[in-house]
Amino acid sequence: MTIQARGKKKERVGTVVADKMKKTLVVDVERVYRHRFYDKVVRAVSRCYVHDEREEAHPGDIVRIMECRPLSRLKRWRLIEIVKKGKGIEAPGRSEDEIRELQEEIRGVSAEAPPADAKTDVMEEQHDVSRTATE
């Protein structure tokens, strides 16, 4: 009986986008190709879920991944190596300092603005003026 050799597994290089799950990374693999009909260069991004046993990769890192058996519903790839450490990708949104500054601005504006009752008083005065003008 002879042992059959396994087929060569696919390898890809991509950028880690998220590492929020335990032992799982989300990696964007970008490929560039020329469209057959329009003859335009097109960029396509595939998102892969990758198994990272030691949890060593972080967002922004460039990694090499290899195809493997299904490990879960979405995971079909495993981490081979970190090609280049990244500086990290900040989560979309604002930093804590920016949020604090905005909150202070909002508090300052609300303190300077007239109370809601003052606005209704002005509206009542205008209504009274228009009523006397019509009489």
Protein backbone atom coordinates (compact mmCIF):
# COMPACT_ATOMS: atom_id res chain seq x y z
CA MET A 1 0.00 0.00 0.00
CA THR A 2 1.41 3.37 -0.98
CA ILE A 3 0.95 6.59 0.90
CA GLN A 4 -0.51 9.31 -1.28
CA ALA A 5 0.99 12.76 -0.92
CA ARG A 6 -1.34 15.52 0.12
CA GLY A 7 -1.94 18.38 -2.26
CA LYS A 8 -0.08 21.61 -1.71
CA LYS A 9 -1.99 23.93 0.62
CA LYS A 10 -2.72 27.51 -0.34
CA GLU A 11 -0.70 30.25 1.32
CA ARG A 12 -1.63 33.91 1.43
CA VAL A 13 -0.16 37.11 2.88
CA GLY A 14 -2.52 39.63 4.42
CA THR A 15 -3.04 42.31 7.04
CA VAL A 16 -4.58 41.61 10.44
CA VAL A 17 -7.72 43.71 10.83
CA ALA A 18 -9.08 42.44 14.16
CA ASP A 19 -8.03 40.20 17.05
CA LYS A 20 -11.05 40.61 19.35
CA MET A 21 -11.85 36.87 19.49
CA LYS A 22 -9.91 34.28 21.45
CA LYS A 23 -7.28 32.58 19.27
CA THR A 24 -8.86 34.01 16.12
CA LEU A 25 -7.75 36.77 13.79
CA VAL A 26 -9.53 38.50 10.95
CA VAL A 27 -7.13 38.98 8.05
CA ASP A 28 -7.73 40.96 4.86
CA VAL A 29 -6.01 39.41 1.85
CA GLU A 30 -5.83 41.82 -1.07
CA ARG A 31 -5.37 40.73 -4.65
CA VAL A 32 -4.95 42.88 -7.72
CA TYR A 33 -6.06 41.70 -11.14
CA ARG A 34 -7.02 43.10 -14.53
CA HIS A 35 -10.70 42.92 -15.45
CA ARG A 36 -11.22 40.72 -18.50
CA PHE A 37 -13.72 42.92 -20.31
CA TYR A 38 -13.00 46.45 -19.11
CA ASP A 39 -9.23 45.95 -18.93
CA LYS A 40 -9.10 47.93 -15.70
CA VAL A 41 -6.93 47.08 -12.69
CA VAL A 42 -9.23 45.96 -9.88
CA ARG A 43 -8.44 45.44 -6.20
CA ALA A 44 -10.38 42.74 -4.40
CA VAL A 45 -10.20 42.02 -0.68
CA SER A 46 -10.97 38.63 0.84
CA ARG A 47 -11.59 38.42 4.57
CA CYS A 48 -10.22 35.27 6.22
CA TYR A 49 -10.71 34.00 9.76
CA VAL A 50 -7.39 32.65 10.98
CA HIS A 51 -6.47 30.42 13.92
CA ASP A 52 -3.72 31.97 16.07
CA GLU A 53 -2.91 29.45 18.81
CA ARG A 54 -0.48 31.69 20.74
CA GLU A 55 -2.39 34.93 20.17
CA GLU A 56 0.78 36.67 18.98
CA ALA A 57 -0.53 38.74 16.04
CA HIS A 58 -2.28 42.09 16.48
CA PRO A 59 -4.09 44.55 14.19
CA GLY A 60 -1.78 46.12 11.63
CA ASP A 61 0.58 43.12 11.43
CA ILE A 62 1.32 41.57 8.05
CA VAL A 63 1.01 37.79 8.35
CA ARG A 64 1.40 34.65 6.26
CA ILE A 65 -1.48 32.19 6.55
CA MET A 66 -2.03 28.65 5.29
CA GLU A 67 -5.19 26.81 4.36
CA CYS A 68 -6.19 24.02 6.76
CA ARG A 69 -9.14 21.80 7.65
CA PRO A 70 -12.23 23.56 8.96
CA LEU A 71 -11.61 24.51 12.60
CA SER A 72 -15.00 26.15 13.17
CA ARG A 73 -17.90 27.55 11.19
CA LEU A 74 -15.75 30.27 9.61
CA LYS A 75 -12.10 29.40 10.36
CA ARG A 76 -10.33 27.67 7.49
CA TRP A 77 -6.86 29.18 7.82
CA ARG A 78 -4.02 29.05 10.36
CA LEU A 79 -1.22 31.48 11.11
CA ILE A 80 2.22 30.47 9.87
CA GLU A 81 4.30 33.53 10.70
CA ILE A 82 4.22 37.25 11.29
CA VAL A 83 6.02 38.77 8.31
CA LYS A 84 6.09 42.31 9.69
CA LYS A 85 4.91 43.81 12.95
CA GLY A 86 2.55 46.71 12.47
CA LYS A 87 2.06 49.84 14.50
CA GLY A 88 -1.49 48.80 15.21
CA ILE A 89 -4.80 49.98 13.87
CA GLU A 90 -6.89 52.19 16.11
CA ALA A 91 -10.54 51.41 16.38
CA PRO A 92 -12.71 53.72 14.35
CA GLY A 93 -14.04 56.61 16.35
CA ARG A 94 -12.47 59.04 18.76
CA SER A 95 -9.78 58.66 21.41
CA GLU A 96 -10.59 59.03 25.10
CA ASP A 97 -9.05 62.53 25.19
CA GLU A 98 -11.19 63.68 22.25
CA ILE A 99 -14.32 62.28 23.89
CA ARG A 100 -13.48 64.03 27.17
CA GLU A 101 -12.94 67.35 25.35
CA LEU A 102 -16.25 67.01 23.52
CA GLN A 103 -18.06 66.25 26.76
CA GLU A 104 -16.55 69.37 28.36
CA GLU A 105 -17.58 71.46 25.35
CA ILE A 106 -21.12 70.13 25.58
CA ARG A 107 -21.29 70.87 29.29
CA GLY A 108 -19.93 74.38 28.68
CA VAL A 109 -22.44 75.11 25.92
CA SER A 110 -25.37 73.83 27.96
CA ALA A 111 -24.31 76.02 30.91
CA GLU A 112 -24.11 79.13 28.72
CA ALA A 113 -27.37 78.48 26.87
CA PRO A 114 -30.53 79.93 28.40
CA PRO A 115 -32.76 77.46 30.23
CA ALA A 116 -35.63 75.88 28.33
CA ASP A 117 -38.20 77.90 30.36
CA ALA A 118 -36.73 81.20 29.12
CA LYS A 119 -37.37 80.17 25.53
CA THR A 120 -41.05 79.43 26.25
CA ASP A 121 -41.37 82.78 28.08
CA VAL A 122 -40.14 84.61 24.95
CA MET A 123 -42.62 82.68 22.83
CA GLU A 124 -45.46 83.60 25.22
CA GLU A 125 -44.49 87.28 25.07
CA GLN A 126 -44.52 87.20 21.27
CA HIS A 127 -47.91 85.50 21.35
CA ASP A 128 -49.25 88.15 23.77
CA VAL A 129 -47.91 90.94 21.53
CA SER A 130 -49.58 89.48 18.47
CA ARG A 131 -52.84 89.03 20.37
CA THR A 132 -52.90 92.69 21.48
CA ALA A 133 -52.10 93.88 17.97
CA THR A 134 -55.11 92.06 16.56
CA GLU A 135 -57.53 93.42 19.21
